[in-house]
Amino acid sequence: MTIPTTSASLPPGLYIVATPIGNLGDITLRAKDVLSTASLIACEDTRITGKLLKLLGLSGRMVRHDDHASDADRARIVEAAMAAPVALVSDAGMPLISDPGYRLVRAAREAGVAVTVVPGANAPLTALALSGLPSDRFLFAGFLPPKENARAAVLAELAPLRATLIFFETAPRLAKSLAAIAEIMPGREVAVARELTKLHEECRTGSAEKLLAHFTQSPPRGEIVLMIGPPGEQAAGAVDADALLLAALADAKPGQAAGQVAKTTGLDRRTLYARAMELQKK
């Protein structure tokens, strides 16, 4: 077992620090030590990280680092990490997971700066463990696209994978995503985990149709992790082409819709075009 790093011996470098995803008790001793020692804390939102520091009884100089950070912004953080410990945090959980922090890590490594990970809370892994879905193989794919056609294309692309699929989702878009899953991956086991580690933590499992009915009657709140179990033997190579065509036909002509679905699935474009013409007449 390694003796925890103490404030007095923390060397310069970039420290990737996981923070709680809801329950403050999930902060690690090592994370608290690094945050109390860092000469600079790079964070998505200084207001959110400021509240966390206050709850932990800490203070520190913060700088915003998000999707809008420039190369010059990253260069300044890297320069600071050459001389003193610099912490990188996200609003919650493990930095770099569906987060732009990887660009800063790449810049630091290219500059020869020591990079260290201080592991801790992580929403996708917490949800997977809670769901009871197969965990020997899984794929985290970030947020599903908000637009119908793009969402359908992503789901169709990932449907054949023999792995549990994990997505972030927002409460207002959950119903649309569940409806798309019901069309493109019928029969698959789905899990919806929300408010992880918080007072009202919930994880519901079942078919997409069943979950859609529940959340239509009881609209969800909070942050959501959406998971889809792997396909069965017969469903592994199956894709609901009609569902994809119908989604594409919402704002595209039959030829364009057929082309989109052919590109996504590898199915024959002429066959898809003929089917698109049939569906359009219904």
Protein backbone atom coordinates (compact mmCIF):
# COMPACT_ATOMS: atom_id res chain seq x y z
CA MET A 1 0.00 0.00 0.00
CA THR A 2 1.27 3.48 -0.92
CA ILE A 3 1.43 6.09 1.81
CA PRO A 4 -0.89 9.01 0.87
CA THR A 5 0.83 12.05 -0.57
CA THR A 6 1.14 14.86 1.95
CA SER A 7 0.81 18.53 1.14
CA ALA A 8 4.45 19.18 1.94
CA SER A 9 5.71 16.67 -0.62
CA LEU A 10 3.37 17.32 -3.54
CA PRO A 11 5.59 17.95 -6.60
CA PRO A 12 4.79 20.13 -9.63
CA GLY A 13 2.57 18.64 -12.31
CA LEU A 14 -0.99 18.31 -13.53
CA TYR A 15 -3.27 16.39 -11.17
CA ILE A 16 -6.52 15.03 -12.64
CA VAL A 17 -8.82 15.01 -9.61
CA ALA A 18 -12.17 13.22 -9.38
CA THR A 19 -14.81 15.02 -7.32
CA PRO A 20 -18.15 13.77 -5.88
CA ILE A 21 -21.08 13.26 -8.25
CA GLY A 22 -23.59 14.03 -5.54
CA ASN A 23 -22.57 12.80 -2.11
CA LEU A 24 -19.86 14.95 -0.57
CA GLY A 25 -18.71 11.96 1.47
CA ASP A 26 -17.30 10.42 -1.71
CA ILE A 27 -14.40 12.89 -1.82
CA THR A 28 -11.15 11.00 -1.21
CA LEU A 29 -8.49 11.97 1.30
CA ARG A 30 -6.01 12.23 -1.54
CA ALA A 31 -8.30 14.46 -3.62
CA LYS A 32 -8.82 16.80 -0.68
CA ASP A 33 -5.07 16.93 -0.08
CA VAL A 34 -4.32 17.81 -3.71
CA LEU A 35 -7.05 20.46 -3.86
CA SER A 36 -5.76 22.06 -0.67
CA THR A 37 -2.21 22.14 -2.03
CA ALA A 38 -2.67 23.05 -5.69
CA SER A 39 -1.42 26.47 -6.68
CA LEU A 40 -4.15 26.57 -9.34
CA ILE A 41 -7.39 24.65 -9.93
CA ALA A 42 -8.58 24.41 -13.55
CA CYS A 43 -12.33 23.76 -13.59
CA GLU A 44 -15.38 23.80 -15.87
CA ASP A 45 -17.28 26.32 -13.75
CA THR A 46 -15.60 28.30 -10.97
CA ARG A 47 -18.96 28.78 -9.22
CA ILE A 48 -19.59 25.05 -8.91
CA THR A 49 -16.03 24.22 -7.89
CA GLY A 50 -16.04 27.20 -5.51
CA LYS A 51 -19.05 25.74 -3.69
CA LEU A 52 -17.29 22.38 -3.41
CA LEU A 53 -14.16 23.96 -1.98
CA LYS A 54 -16.22 25.91 0.53
CA LEU A 55 -18.03 22.73 1.66
CA LEU A 56 -14.67 21.03 2.09
CA GLY A 57 -13.34 23.97 4.07
CA LEU A 58 -10.80 24.79 1.38
CA SER A 59 -9.89 27.77 -0.75
CA GLY A 60 -7.80 28.05 -3.85
CA ARG A 61 -7.10 30.06 -6.98
CA MET A 62 -9.33 28.87 -9.79
CA VAL A 63 -9.29 29.34 -13.54
CA ARG A 64 -12.05 28.33 -15.94
CA HIS A 65 -11.21 25.55 -18.40
CA ASP A 66 -14.11 24.36 -20.55
CA ASP A 67 -15.07 23.81 -24.21
CA HIS A 68 -14.21 27.41 -25.01
CA ALA A 69 -10.63 27.25 -23.67
CA SER A 70 -8.06 28.34 -26.25
CA ASP A 71 -4.58 27.02 -26.95
CA ALA A 72 -3.24 30.06 -25.11
CA ASP A 73 -5.38 29.24 -22.07
CA ARG A 74 -4.03 25.70 -22.02
CA ALA A 75 -0.47 26.94 -22.47
CA ARG A 76 -0.78 29.13 -19.36
CA ILE A 77 -2.08 26.22 -17.29
CA VAL A 78 0.70 23.94 -18.54
CA GLU A 79 3.29 26.59 -17.72
CA ALA A 80 1.90 26.85 -14.19
CA ALA A 81 2.06 23.05 -13.81
CA MET A 82 5.76 23.10 -14.68
CA ALA A 83 6.47 25.07 -11.53
CA ALA A 84 3.83 23.92 -9.05
CA PRO A 85 0.99 21.41 -8.60
CA VAL A 86 -2.09 22.25 -10.69
CA ALA A 87 -5.39 20.40 -10.27
CA LEU A 88 -7.86 19.71 -13.06
CA VAL A 89 -11.47 19.04 -12.01
CA SER A 90 -14.83 18.79 -13.75
CA ASP A 91 -18.15 19.94 -12.33
CA ALA A 92 -18.66 16.44 -10.93
CA GLY A 93 -17.01 13.06 -11.18
CA MET A 94 -13.94 12.08 -13.16
CA PRO A 95 -12.50 14.75 -15.47
CA LEU A 96 -12.14 13.93 -19.18
CA ILE A 97 -15.27 11.71 -19.23
CA SER A 98 -17.39 13.48 -21.85
CA ASP A 99 -15.30 16.53 -20.98
CA PRO A 100 -12.77 18.67 -22.90
CA GLY A 101 -10.02 18.20 -20.32
CA TYR A 102 -8.22 15.67 -22.51
CA ARG A 103 -6.82 18.52 -24.61
CA LEU A 104 -5.12 19.95 -21.54
CA VAL A 105 -3.70 16.54 -20.64
CA ARG A 106 -2.33 16.12 -24.16
CA ALA A 107 -0.73 19.56 -24.02
CA ALA A 108 0.81 18.79 -20.64
CA ARG A 109 2.26 15.47 -21.79
CA GLU A 110 3.65 17.03 -24.95
CA ALA A 111 5.36 19.66 -22.80
CA GLY A 112 6.90 17.01 -20.55
CA VAL A 113 4.76 17.91 -17.54
CA ALA A 114 4.12 15.08 -15.07
CA VAL A 115 0.47 14.00 -15.16
CA THR A 116 -1.13 12.17 -12.23
CA VAL A 117 -4.66 10.83 -11.78
CA VAL A 118 -6.42 11.05 -8.43
CA PRO A 119 -9.31 8.60 -9.02
CA GLY A 120 -12.72 8.72 -7.43
CA ALA A 121 -16.42 9.01 -8.21
CA ASN A 122 -17.55 8.25 -11.76
CA ALA A 123 -21.18 8.33 -12.92
CA PRO A 124 -21.05 5.79 -15.80
CA LEU A 125 -19.32 3.12 -13.71
CA THR A 126 -21.52 3.80 -10.69
CA ALA A 127 -24.64 3.43 -12.84
CA LEU A 128 -23.36 0.26 -14.50
CA ALA A 129 -22.68 -1.36 -11.15
CA LEU A 130 -26.14 -0.35 -9.89
CA SER A 131 -28.02 -1.54 -12.99
CA GLY A 132 -27.22 -5.23 -12.89
CA LEU A 133 -26.60 -5.21 -16.66
CA PRO A 134 -23.64 -7.22 -18.01
CA SER A 135 -20.43 -5.44 -17.08
CA ASP A 136 -17.77 -7.66 -18.65
CA ARG A 137 -17.90 -5.52 -21.81
CA PHE A 138 -19.33 -2.01 -22.02
CA LEU A 139 -19.08 1.13 -24.11
CA PHE A 140 -19.54 4.66 -22.83
CA ALA A 141 -20.72 6.90 -25.67
CA GLY A 142 -21.34 10.26 -24.00
CA PHE A 143 -24.59 12.11 -24.72
CA LEU A 144 -26.97 10.88 -27.39
CA PRO A 145 -27.52 13.52 -30.11
CA PRO A 146 -30.56 15.73 -29.48
CA LYS A 147 -31.83 15.56 -33.08
CA GLU A 148 -33.97 12.59 -34.09
CA ASN A 149 -32.06 11.47 -37.19
CA ALA A 150 -28.65 11.76 -35.55
CA ARG A 151 -29.88 9.93 -32.45
CA ALA A 152 -31.26 7.10 -34.59
CA ALA A 153 -28.02 6.86 -36.55
CA VAL A 154 -25.92 6.53 -33.39
CA LEU A 155 -28.20 3.88 -31.92
CA ALA A 156 -28.21 1.91 -35.18
CA GLU A 157 -24.43 2.08 -35.40
CA LEU A 158 -23.98 0.75 -31.85
CA ALA A 159 -26.87 -1.75 -31.84
CA PRO A 160 -24.86 -4.79 -33.07
CA LEU A 161 -22.15 -4.41 -30.40
CA ARG A 162 -22.12 -7.24 -27.86
CA ALA A 163 -21.64 -4.87 -24.97
CA THR A 164 -23.69 -2.81 -22.55
CA LEU A 165 -24.08 0.71 -23.95
CA ILE A 166 -23.86 3.65 -21.56
CA PHE A 167 -25.02 7.20 -22.32
CA PHE A 168 -25.54 10.44 -20.48
CA GLU A 169 -29.01 11.88 -21.02
CA THR A 170 -31.01 14.89 -19.93
CA ALA A 171 -34.39 14.59 -18.24
CA PRO A 172 -36.29 16.49 -21.00
CA ARG A 173 -34.87 14.21 -23.73
CA LEU A 174 -35.18 10.87 -21.95
CA ALA A 175 -38.61 9.99 -23.41
CA LYS A 176 -37.46 10.58 -26.99
CA SER A 177 -34.36 8.46 -26.45
CA LEU A 178 -36.40 5.61 -24.94
CA ALA A 179 -38.82 5.76 -27.87
CA ALA A 180 -35.91 5.54 -30.32
CA ILE A 181 -34.41 2.58 -28.43
CA ALA A 182 -37.80 0.81 -28.53
CA GLU A 183 -37.89 1.19 -32.33
CA ILE A 184 -34.26 0.42 -33.17
CA MET A 185 -33.42 -2.15 -30.46
CA PRO A 186 -36.73 -3.83 -29.59
CA GLY A 187 -36.59 -6.32 -26.76
CA ARG A 188 -33.36 -5.05 -25.25
CA GLU A 189 -33.06 -4.60 -21.49
CA VAL A 190 -32.67 -0.94 -20.56
CA ALA A 191 -31.76 0.79 -17.32
CA VAL A 192 -32.24 4.40 -16.28
CA ALA A 193 -30.19 5.60 -13.32
CA ARG A 194 -30.61 9.09 -11.95
CA GLU A 195 -29.56 11.22 -9.00
CA LEU A 196 -26.68 8.85 -8.32
CA THR A 197 -25.31 8.92 -4.73
CA LYS A 198 -27.93 11.51 -3.79
CA LEU A 199 -30.97 11.26 -1.50
CA HIS A 200 -33.39 10.34 -4.29
CA GLU A 201 -31.12 7.92 -6.16
CA GLU A 202 -33.12 5.67 -8.48
CA CYS A 203 -32.36 2.92 -10.98
CA ARG A 204 -35.17 1.40 -13.02
CA THR A 205 -34.75 -1.50 -15.43
CA GLY A 206 -36.98 -3.11 -18.02
CA SER A 207 -37.87 -2.73 -21.68
CA ALA A 208 -37.65 0.66 -23.32
CA GLU A 209 -41.43 0.61 -23.75
CA LYS A 210 -42.02 -0.10 -20.07
CA LEU A 211 -39.64 2.64 -18.96
CA LEU A 212 -41.12 5.08 -21.45
CA ALA A 213 -44.58 4.49 -19.99
CA HIS A 214 -43.29 5.03 -16.46
CA PHE A 215 -41.36 8.22 -17.16
CA THR A 216 -44.22 9.62 -19.25
CA GLN A 217 -46.44 9.33 -16.17
CA SER A 218 -43.66 10.41 -13.77
CA PRO A 219 -41.32 12.83 -15.59
CA PRO A 220 -37.78 12.38 -14.31
CA ARG A 221 -35.59 14.98 -12.67
CA GLY A 222 -31.88 15.25 -12.14
CA GLU A 223 -28.89 13.90 -14.02
CA ILE A 224 -29.41 10.63 -15.87
CA VAL A 225 -27.31 7.71 -17.04
CA LEU A 226 -29.09 5.63 -19.70
CA MET A 227 -27.91 2.06 -20.31
CA ILE A 228 -28.83 -0.58 -22.89
CA GLY A 229 -28.03 -4.24 -22.40
CA PRO A 230 -26.19 -6.20 -25.11
CA PRO A 231 -28.14 -7.92 -27.89
CA GLY A 232 -29.11 -11.57 -27.82
CA GLU A 233 -27.75 -14.05 -30.33
CA GLN A 234 -30.43 -13.39 -32.94
CA ALA A 235 -30.54 -9.63 -32.43
CA ALA A 236 -26.77 -9.09 -32.58
CA GLY A 237 -26.75 -8.34 -36.30
CA ALA A 238 -30.26 -7.00 -36.63
CA VAL A 239 -31.11 -3.38 -37.30
CA ASP A 240 -34.63 -2.01 -37.67
CA ALA A 241 -34.22 -0.42 -41.09
CA ASP A 242 -37.85 0.75 -41.18
CA ALA A 243 -37.40 2.71 -37.97
CA LEU A 244 -34.27 4.37 -39.32
CA LEU A 245 -35.94 5.17 -42.64
CA LEU A 246 -38.99 6.66 -40.93
CA ALA A 247 -36.75 8.83 -38.79
CA ALA A 248 -34.79 10.00 -41.82
CA LEU A 249 -37.94 10.63 -43.88
CA ALA A 250 -39.06 13.18 -41.31
CA ASP A 251 -36.90 15.80 -42.99
CA ALA A 252 -35.37 14.12 -46.06
CA LYS A 253 -36.51 12.81 -49.43
CA PRO A 254 -36.61 9.01 -50.00
CA GLY A 255 -33.33 8.99 -51.90
CA GLN A 256 -31.56 11.01 -49.24
CA ALA A 257 -33.09 8.92 -46.46
CA ALA A 258 -31.97 5.70 -48.15
CA GLY A 259 -28.46 7.09 -48.53
CA GLN A 260 -28.26 8.05 -44.87
CA VAL A 261 -29.44 4.65 -43.65
CA ALA A 262 -27.20 2.80 -46.12
CA LYS A 263 -24.18 4.70 -44.85
CA THR A 264 -25.09 3.97 -41.23
CA THR A 265 -26.00 0.28 -41.58
CA GLY A 266 -24.18 -0.97 -44.68
CA LEU A 267 -27.50 -2.17 -46.15
CA ASP A 268 -28.16 -1.97 -49.89
CA ARG A 269 -29.14 1.56 -50.91
CA ARG A 270 -31.50 0.51 -53.73
CA THR A 271 -33.40 -1.84 -51.44
CA LEU A 272 -33.65 0.89 -48.84
CA TYR A 273 -34.87 3.39 -51.45
CA ALA A 274 -37.64 1.04 -52.55
CA ARG A 275 -38.69 0.52 -48.94
CA ALA A 276 -38.55 4.28 -48.27
CA MET A 277 -40.95 4.86 -51.17
CA GLU A 278 -43.34 2.30 -49.68
CA LEU A 279 -43.16 3.83 -46.22
CA GLN A 280 -43.77 7.31 -47.58
CA LYS A 281 -47.06 6.17 -49.13
CA LYS A 282 -48.41 4.82 -45.84
